[in-house]
Amino acid sequence: MIAVGSHARLLVALDIDGTIMASDGTIATPVDRSIGLVRAAGHQIVLATGRSLAGALPVIERLGLTDGHVVCSNGGLTIRLDTSAPGGYRFARSELFDATTVIRRVLELEPATLVAVEEPGWGWRVNTLFEPTQVNGEQKTASVADLCSSPATRVALAAPGLRRHLEALRETGVTVTPAGESWLDVTGPEVTKASALEALRERLGIPPEATVAVGDSENDLDALVWAGRGISMGHGPSTVRAAADEVTGTIDEHGAATALDSLLPAIDTTPLPDLAAQLAVAVDSAPGVAKLRVWHRSGADLAGAEIQSAVARAWVRHAPIPAADGGTMLTITDAADQAGLGYPTTDLGLRARWTKTKPDDGTTVYELPIWQR
């Protein structure tokens, strides 16, 4: 495992439901803050969820994620966030499979089974309408023949006591993951959160030991084993807790925040507001000399901010400052002062000024050298 403080970039996979989001759909303030700080430390937050894309998008928006990747549908779909793309994302990896055999088999075993075939980004084709709270997105009824007519990323099956047919359905060659006694999720052969995360890790060039996963359910088991550091939520079932390297607090105890805070530099940001805390963490974790970079598209409000670091005689992006979005250059410099960050001075003792550049993409960029005092 790569030690915190080594300036290594970590891939941090976070489950959504039961891990960062409570059953009432809320994300606790400590968890939200810790996610922002981990991003400011330069680590890659990757939501890894059983939710469909339609169900993940509101969470992505709620967290203010505008770049990076999200694993949906228990590994069946990976998207890359991109503000220039329609909807704010592009498809990065899709694991399609023929669901015909497993659909026909489950209907032989339990004719009243509700079957839903995922339509990424929109909703589901279903044999019978599910309750709105059971699935995310729109629903369209279809015949069994239509449900089987094209490859799928994920199929959801629901019927009382359906879990008793778990092994029989696995014998059809697909991956079947239980979510309680009456719900099964189906993805392609050997497709799990872990398989999608491993493909992403290889693509990003992150060492296997520089991976962290936090989860609470059976669909997180493979990811917790895959990660260099697997962390189970304290309320997870015994099988999940046993599979993990360590156990954090429950969702009511904000266990995800505790786990995420352990990935941060050893500086006390407790008394600081979010923006100042993110700046302090970003500068402290930068691998070289740092500078603050902000940009506008129109008006005075910032469209974004980041810390860049000098690496091998070149400036590279180290980390975003999520809390700066929508602020101003004044609020960000005030926050830097709150965080006790320093600036270079001239021979006359004057503080360095923002320098302005204008890239070809139409933004207006300002930069300012910055460091820990």
Protein backbone atom coordinates (compact mmCIF):
# COMPACT_ATOMS: atom_id res chain seq x y z
CA MET A 1 0.00 0.00 0.00
CA ILE A 2 1.34 3.43 -0.92
CA ALA A 3 1.69 5.62 2.16
CA VAL A 4 -0.26 8.84 2.53
CA GLY A 5 2.10 11.76 2.08
CA SER A 6 4.06 10.07 -0.71
CA HIS A 7 2.32 12.33 -3.29
CA ALA A 8 1.02 9.19 -5.00
CA ARG A 9 -2.29 9.59 -6.82
CA LEU A 10 -4.86 7.12 -5.48
CA LEU A 11 -7.87 5.69 -7.26
CA VAL A 12 -10.63 5.89 -4.63
CA ALA A 13 -13.73 3.87 -5.52
CA LEU A 14 -16.85 4.87 -3.58
CA ASP A 15 -20.13 2.99 -3.49
CA ILE A 16 -23.15 5.30 -3.33
CA ASP A 17 -26.14 3.79 -1.51
CA GLY A 18 -25.36 2.89 2.07
CA THR A 19 -21.82 4.25 1.81
CA ILE A 20 -21.93 7.96 0.97
CA MET A 21 -25.72 8.28 0.65
CA ALA A 22 -28.24 7.39 3.34
CA SER A 23 -31.52 5.61 2.67
CA ASP A 24 -33.36 8.95 2.62
CA GLY A 25 -31.22 10.12 -0.32
CA THR A 26 -29.08 12.56 1.65
CA ILE A 27 -25.30 12.88 1.75
CA ALA A 28 -24.13 14.01 5.18
CA THR A 29 -22.11 17.22 5.34
CA PRO A 30 -18.98 15.52 6.77
CA VAL A 31 -19.01 13.00 3.91
CA ASP A 32 -19.51 15.71 1.28
CA ARG A 33 -16.65 17.74 2.78
CA SER A 34 -14.31 14.73 2.88
CA ILE A 35 -15.00 13.91 -0.77
CA GLY A 36 -14.05 17.48 -1.71
CA LEU A 37 -10.85 17.29 0.33
CA VAL A 38 -9.80 13.97 -1.19
CA ARG A 39 -10.30 15.45 -4.65
CA ALA A 40 -8.24 18.50 -3.61
CA ALA A 41 -5.46 16.14 -2.49
CA GLY A 42 -5.15 14.99 -6.11
CA HIS A 43 -6.79 11.59 -5.75
CA GLN A 44 -9.23 10.19 -8.31
CA ILE A 45 -12.70 9.76 -6.83
CA VAL A 46 -14.58 7.12 -8.83
CA LEU A 47 -18.18 6.45 -7.92
CA ALA A 48 -18.72 2.68 -8.30
CA THR A 49 -22.39 1.86 -8.01
CA GLY A 50 -25.02 -0.70 -8.81
CA ARG A 51 -27.23 2.17 -9.93
CA SER A 52 -28.00 2.66 -13.58
CA LEU A 53 -26.58 5.71 -15.30
CA ALA A 54 -29.94 7.45 -14.92
CA GLY A 55 -29.72 6.85 -11.17
CA ALA A 56 -26.09 7.91 -10.88
CA LEU A 57 -26.41 11.22 -12.74
CA PRO A 58 -28.28 13.10 -9.97
CA VAL A 59 -25.60 12.00 -7.47
CA ILE A 60 -22.84 13.16 -9.80
CA GLU A 61 -24.55 16.55 -10.04
CA ARG A 62 -25.15 16.68 -6.28
CA LEU A 63 -21.42 16.15 -5.62
CA GLY A 64 -20.38 18.64 -8.29
CA LEU A 65 -18.27 16.10 -10.16
CA THR A 66 -17.33 17.41 -13.60
CA ASP A 67 -14.35 15.24 -14.51
CA GLY A 68 -13.08 11.73 -13.87
CA HIS A 69 -14.97 8.45 -14.26
CA VAL A 70 -18.05 6.73 -12.85
CA VAL A 71 -18.69 2.98 -12.84
CA CYS A 72 -22.42 2.20 -13.09
CA SER A 73 -24.59 -0.91 -13.27
CA ASN A 74 -22.27 -3.07 -11.13
CA GLY A 75 -19.51 -2.69 -13.70
CA GLY A 76 -21.62 -2.97 -16.83
CA LEU A 77 -21.01 0.63 -17.84
CA THR A 78 -18.22 3.15 -17.25
CA ILE A 79 -18.58 6.79 -18.22
CA ARG A 80 -16.06 9.62 -18.42
CA LEU A 81 -17.34 12.95 -17.19
CA ASP A 82 -16.85 15.72 -19.74
CA THR A 83 -18.56 19.11 -19.49
CA SER A 84 -18.21 19.61 -23.25
CA ALA A 85 -20.22 16.45 -24.04
CA PRO A 86 -24.03 16.24 -24.30
CA GLY A 87 -25.33 15.43 -20.83
CA GLY A 88 -21.87 16.03 -19.35
CA TYR A 89 -20.46 12.56 -20.02
CA ARG A 90 -19.14 10.17 -22.64
CA PHE A 91 -19.32 6.37 -22.69
CA ALA A 92 -15.90 4.96 -21.84
CA ARG A 93 -16.59 1.22 -21.53
CA SER A 94 -19.70 -0.89 -22.01
CA GLU A 95 -19.91 -4.60 -21.17
CA LEU A 96 -22.84 -5.91 -23.22
CA PHE A 97 -24.14 -9.47 -22.94
CA ASP A 98 -26.95 -11.63 -24.30
CA ALA A 99 -29.54 -11.86 -21.52
CA THR A 100 -31.88 -14.24 -23.34
CA THR A 101 -30.96 -17.40 -21.42
CA VAL A 102 -31.10 -15.90 -17.94
CA ILE A 103 -34.39 -14.06 -18.63
CA ARG A 104 -36.11 -17.16 -19.96
CA ARG A 105 -34.69 -19.27 -17.13
CA VAL A 106 -35.91 -16.96 -14.36
CA LEU A 107 -39.40 -16.84 -15.90
CA GLU A 108 -39.43 -20.66 -15.94
CA LEU A 109 -38.51 -20.72 -12.26
CA GLU A 110 -40.70 -17.78 -11.20
CA PRO A 111 -43.23 -16.77 -13.90
CA ALA A 112 -44.26 -13.66 -11.95
CA THR A 113 -40.73 -12.22 -11.88
CA LEU A 114 -40.46 -8.56 -12.81
CA VAL A 115 -37.74 -8.16 -15.43
CA ALA A 116 -36.05 -4.87 -16.34
CA VAL A 117 -33.43 -4.45 -19.07
CA GLU A 118 -31.36 -1.31 -18.68
CA GLU A 119 -31.36 1.42 -21.31
CA PRO A 120 -28.25 3.45 -20.32
CA GLY A 121 -28.96 7.10 -19.64
CA TRP A 122 -32.72 6.76 -20.06
CA GLY A 123 -34.26 3.99 -17.97
CA TRP A 124 -35.58 0.48 -18.51
CA ARG A 125 -37.54 -1.82 -20.77
CA VAL A 126 -39.73 -3.95 -18.48
CA ASN A 127 -42.12 -6.87 -18.77
CA THR A 128 -44.29 -5.31 -16.02
CA LEU A 129 -43.98 -1.87 -14.50
CA PHE A 130 -41.89 -1.68 -11.34
CA GLU A 131 -42.73 0.65 -8.48
CA PRO A 132 -41.11 4.05 -9.21
CA THR A 133 -38.90 3.71 -6.13
CA GLN A 134 -37.49 0.38 -7.32
CA VAL A 135 -35.70 1.60 -10.44
CA ASN A 136 -34.17 4.88 -11.58
CA GLY A 137 -35.31 6.55 -14.79
CA GLU A 138 -38.18 5.95 -17.18
CA GLN A 139 -39.91 2.62 -17.85
CA LYS A 140 -41.38 1.20 -21.04
CA THR A 141 -43.26 -2.09 -21.12
CA ALA A 142 -42.09 -4.65 -23.66
CA SER A 143 -42.61 -8.28 -24.55
CA VAL A 144 -40.14 -10.91 -23.39
CA ALA A 145 -39.01 -11.26 -27.00
CA ASP A 146 -38.25 -7.55 -27.11
CA LEU A 147 -36.39 -7.70 -23.78
CA CYS A 148 -34.16 -10.36 -25.30
CA SER A 149 -33.77 -8.71 -28.69
CA SER A 150 -30.56 -6.78 -28.06
CA PRO A 151 -27.49 -7.02 -25.80
CA ALA A 152 -27.80 -5.48 -22.34
CA THR A 153 -25.46 -3.88 -19.81
CA ARG A 154 -27.57 -4.98 -16.84
CA VAL A 155 -30.82 -6.78 -16.07
CA ALA A 156 -32.77 -6.41 -12.82
CA LEU A 157 -34.98 -9.24 -11.54
CA ALA A 158 -37.51 -8.91 -8.71
CA ALA A 159 -39.85 -11.43 -7.09
CA PRO A 160 -40.51 -12.53 -3.50
CA GLY A 161 -37.81 -14.94 -2.33
CA LEU A 162 -36.00 -14.82 -5.69
CA ARG A 163 -32.61 -15.24 -4.03
CA ARG A 164 -33.28 -18.95 -3.61
CA HIS A 165 -32.69 -19.31 -7.36
CA LEU A 166 -29.33 -17.53 -7.25
CA GLU A 167 -27.18 -20.54 -8.13
CA ALA A 168 -29.56 -21.81 -10.80
CA LEU A 169 -29.36 -18.46 -12.57
CA ARG A 170 -25.60 -18.30 -12.22
CA GLU A 171 -25.42 -21.63 -14.05
CA THR A 172 -26.54 -19.77 -17.20
CA GLY A 173 -23.04 -18.24 -17.30
CA VAL A 174 -23.80 -14.65 -16.27
CA THR A 175 -22.90 -12.73 -13.12
CA VAL A 176 -25.80 -12.62 -10.67
CA THR A 177 -25.53 -10.41 -7.60
CA PRO A 178 -28.16 -10.46 -4.85
CA ALA A 179 -29.51 -7.27 -3.31
CA GLY A 180 -31.72 -8.71 -0.60
CA GLU A 181 -33.99 -11.73 -0.72
CA SER A 182 -36.23 -10.49 -3.53
CA TRP A 183 -33.86 -8.72 -5.94
CA LEU A 184 -31.09 -9.93 -8.24
CA ASP A 185 -28.88 -7.87 -10.54
CA VAL A 186 -27.46 -9.52 -13.66
CA THR A 187 -24.40 -8.43 -15.63
CA GLY A 188 -22.26 -10.18 -18.20
CA PRO A 189 -19.90 -13.08 -17.43
CA GLU A 190 -17.30 -11.99 -14.83
CA VAL A 191 -18.52 -8.38 -15.00
CA THR A 192 -18.41 -6.72 -11.58
CA LYS A 193 -17.47 -3.39 -10.08
CA ALA A 194 -13.98 -4.86 -9.63
CA SER A 195 -13.58 -5.79 -13.30
CA ALA A 196 -14.56 -2.28 -14.39
CA LEU A 197 -12.31 -0.66 -11.80
CA GLU A 198 -9.36 -2.81 -12.87
CA ALA A 199 -9.84 -1.79 -16.50
CA LEU A 200 -9.96 1.84 -15.41
CA ARG A 201 -6.90 1.47 -13.17
CA GLU A 202 -4.89 0.09 -16.09
CA ARG A 203 -6.11 2.88 -18.36
CA LEU A 204 -5.10 5.56 -15.85
CA GLY A 205 -1.74 3.94 -15.13
CA ILE A 206 -2.32 3.75 -11.37
CA PRO A 207 -0.39 1.02 -9.50
CA PRO A 208 -2.55 -1.78 -8.01
CA GLU A 209 -1.43 -0.89 -4.49
CA ALA A 210 -2.61 2.72 -4.97
CA THR A 211 -6.28 1.74 -5.00
CA VAL A 212 -8.90 2.17 -2.28
CA ALA A 213 -12.50 0.96 -2.24
CA VAL A 214 -15.25 1.74 0.27
CA GLY A 215 -18.55 -0.14 0.24
CA ASP A 216 -21.25 -1.79 2.31
CA SER A 217 -23.05 -4.46 0.27
CA GLU A 218 -22.63 -7.79 -1.47
CA ASN A 219 -22.12 -6.06 -4.82
CA ASP A 220 -19.03 -4.41 -3.27
CA LEU A 221 -17.36 -7.68 -2.27
CA ASP A 222 -15.20 -8.07 -5.37
CA ALA A 223 -14.18 -4.41 -5.29
CA LEU A 224 -13.10 -4.62 -1.65
CA VAL A 225 -10.96 -7.67 -2.42
CA TRP A 226 -9.58 -6.03 -5.59
CA ALA A 227 -8.48 -2.82 -3.88
CA GLY A 228 -5.07 -2.34 -2.36
CA ARG A 229 -7.05 -1.12 0.65
CA GLY A 230 -10.63 -2.36 0.94
CA ILE A 231 -12.77 -0.62 3.56
CA SER A 232 -16.17 -1.95 4.63
CA MET A 233 -18.81 0.24 6.20
CA GLY A 234 -19.55 -0.78 9.78
CA HIS A 235 -23.16 -1.69 9.05
CA GLY A 236 -22.25 -4.01 6.18
CA PRO A 237 -23.12 -7.71 6.47
CA SER A 238 -20.54 -9.99 8.03
CA THR A 239 -19.42 -11.37 4.66
CA VAL A 240 -18.60 -7.87 3.43
CA ARG A 241 -16.80 -6.88 6.62
CA ALA A 242 -14.78 -10.11 6.52
CA ALA A 243 -13.71 -9.48 2.92
CA ALA A 244 -12.37 -6.01 3.67
CA ASP A 245 -8.95 -5.06 4.98
CA GLU A 246 -10.56 -2.83 7.59
CA VAL A 247 -13.94 -1.66 8.83
CA THR A 248 -14.95 1.98 9.29
CA GLY A 249 -18.01 3.44 11.02
CA THR A 250 -21.60 2.99 9.95
CA ILE A 251 -23.44 5.36 7.66
CA ASP A 252 -24.97 7.07 10.71
CA GLU A 253 -21.43 7.52 12.06
CA HIS A 254 -20.26 8.99 8.74
CA GLY A 255 -17.89 6.06 8.29
CA ALA A 256 -17.11 7.04 4.69
CA ALA A 257 -15.80 10.40 5.91
CA THR A 258 -13.55 8.67 8.42
CA ALA A 259 -12.15 6.43 5.69
CA LEU A 260 -11.61 9.31 3.28
CA ASP A 261 -9.97 11.54 5.89
CA SER A 262 -7.32 8.87 6.40
CA LEU A 263 -6.12 9.57 2.83
CA LEU A 264 -5.41 13.24 3.50
CA PRO A 265 -2.19 15.00 4.54
CA ALA A 266 -1.63 15.26 8.28
CA ILE A 267 -2.70 18.89 8.61
CA ASP A 268 -5.56 20.17 10.74
CA THR A 269 -8.25 21.62 8.49
CA THR A 270 -11.03 21.25 11.07
CA PRO A 271 -11.44 24.98 11.80
CA LEU A 272 -11.31 25.98 8.13
CA PRO A 273 -14.28 26.44 5.79
CA ASP A 274 -14.40 24.15 2.77
CA LEU A 275 -12.61 26.44 0.30
CA ALA A 276 -9.72 27.24 2.64
CA ALA A 277 -9.42 23.58 3.68
CA GLN A 278 -9.27 22.41 0.06
CA LEU A 279 -6.58 24.96 -0.77
CA ALA A 280 -4.51 23.90 2.25
CA VAL A 281 -4.77 20.20 1.38
CA ALA A 282 -4.03 20.78 -2.32
CA VAL A 283 -0.91 22.84 -1.70
CA ASP A 284 0.39 20.53 1.05
CA SER A 285 -0.05 17.41 -1.11
CA ALA A 286 1.44 18.90 -4.30
CA PRO A 287 4.63 17.07 -5.34
CA GLY A 288 6.48 20.28 -6.28
CA VAL A 289 6.24 24.06 -6.31
CA ALA A 290 2.59 25.01 -6.64
CA LYS A 291 0.55 27.72 -8.29
CA LEU A 292 -3.13 28.57 -8.14
CA ARG A 293 -4.95 28.66 -11.47
CA VAL A 294 -8.49 30.00 -11.90
CA TRP A 295 -10.57 30.66 -14.99
CA HIS A 296 -13.69 32.52 -16.08
CA ARG A 297 -16.02 32.07 -19.01
CA SER A 298 -18.28 35.10 -18.52
CA GLY A 299 -18.79 37.50 -15.66
CA ALA A 300 -16.83 37.68 -12.43
CA ASP A 301 -17.69 34.24 -11.06
CA LEU A 302 -15.11 31.52 -11.40
CA ALA A 303 -15.87 28.62 -13.73
CA GLY A 304 -13.16 26.55 -12.05
CA ALA A 305 -9.96 26.50 -10.03
CA GLU A 306 -7.07 24.10 -9.59
CA ILE A 307 -3.62 23.77 -8.11
CA GLN A 308 -0.84 23.09 -10.60
CA SER A 309 2.55 21.75 -9.60
CA ALA A 310 6.01 21.92 -11.17
CA VAL A 311 7.02 18.40 -12.14
CA ALA A 312 10.07 17.66 -14.33
CA ARG A 313 10.30 21.35 -15.31
CA ALA A 314 6.70 21.49 -16.49
CA TRP A 315 3.48 22.68 -14.90
CA VAL A 316 0.93 19.90 -14.53
CA ARG A 317 -2.54 19.82 -12.99
CA HIS A 318 -2.34 18.50 -9.45
CA ALA A 319 -5.88 18.83 -8.13
CA PRO A 320 -9.19 20.68 -8.55
CA ILE A 321 -10.53 23.07 -5.94
CA PRO A 322 -14.24 22.17 -6.13
CA ALA A 323 -15.43 24.72 -3.58
CA ALA A 324 -14.07 27.59 -5.72
CA ASP A 325 -16.65 27.06 -8.47
CA GLY A 326 -18.99 30.05 -8.60
CA GLY A 327 -16.76 32.12 -6.31
CA THR A 328 -14.53 35.05 -7.21
CA MET A 329 -10.80 35.71 -7.25
CA LEU A 330 -11.26 37.75 -4.08
CA THR A 331 -12.98 34.91 -2.20
CA ILE A 332 -10.28 32.46 -3.22
CA THR A 333 -7.42 34.72 -2.13
CA ASP A 334 -9.24 35.40 1.15
CA ALA A 335 -9.56 31.63 1.63
CA ALA A 336 -5.84 31.19 0.91
CA ASP A 337 -5.13 33.74 3.65
CA GLN A 338 -7.44 31.82 6.01
CA ALA A 339 -5.50 28.66 5.24
CA GLY A 340 -2.20 30.38 6.05
CA LEU A 341 -0.85 30.01 2.53
CA GLY A 342 1.97 32.22 1.34
CA TYR A 343 2.81 34.06 -1.86
CA PRO A 344 6.13 35.15 -3.34
CA THR A 345 7.10 38.79 -2.86
CA THR A 346 9.20 41.22 -4.88
CA ASP A 347 12.38 42.90 -3.66
CA LEU A 348 10.18 45.77 -2.50
CA GLY A 349 8.10 43.40 -0.37
CA LEU A 350 5.06 43.54 -2.64
CA ARG A 351 2.97 40.41 -3.02
CA ALA A 352 3.00 38.70 -6.39
CA ARG A 353 0.06 39.55 -8.61
CA TRP A 354 -2.24 37.38 -10.67
CA THR A 355 -0.98 36.93 -14.23
CA LYS A 356 -3.52 36.70 -17.03
CA THR A 357 -3.53 34.41 -20.06
CA LYS A 358 -6.19 33.74 -22.68
CA PRO A 359 -6.24 30.15 -24.06
CA ASP A 360 -7.82 29.32 -27.41
CA ASP A 361 -10.95 27.84 -25.78
CA GLY A 362 -12.40 31.25 -24.93
CA THR A 363 -11.74 31.17 -21.20
CA THR A 364 -9.83 33.82 -19.26
CA VAL A 365 -7.17 32.29 -17.00
CA TYR A 366 -5.36 33.85 -14.05
CA GLU A 367 -2.43 32.27 -12.17
CA LEU A 368 -0.74 33.00 -8.86
CA PRO A 369 2.22 31.18 -7.20
CA ILE A 370 1.25 29.84 -3.76
CA TRP A 371 2.77 27.67 -0.99
CA GLN A 372 2.48 26.60 2.62
CA ARG A 373 4.05 29.08 5.06
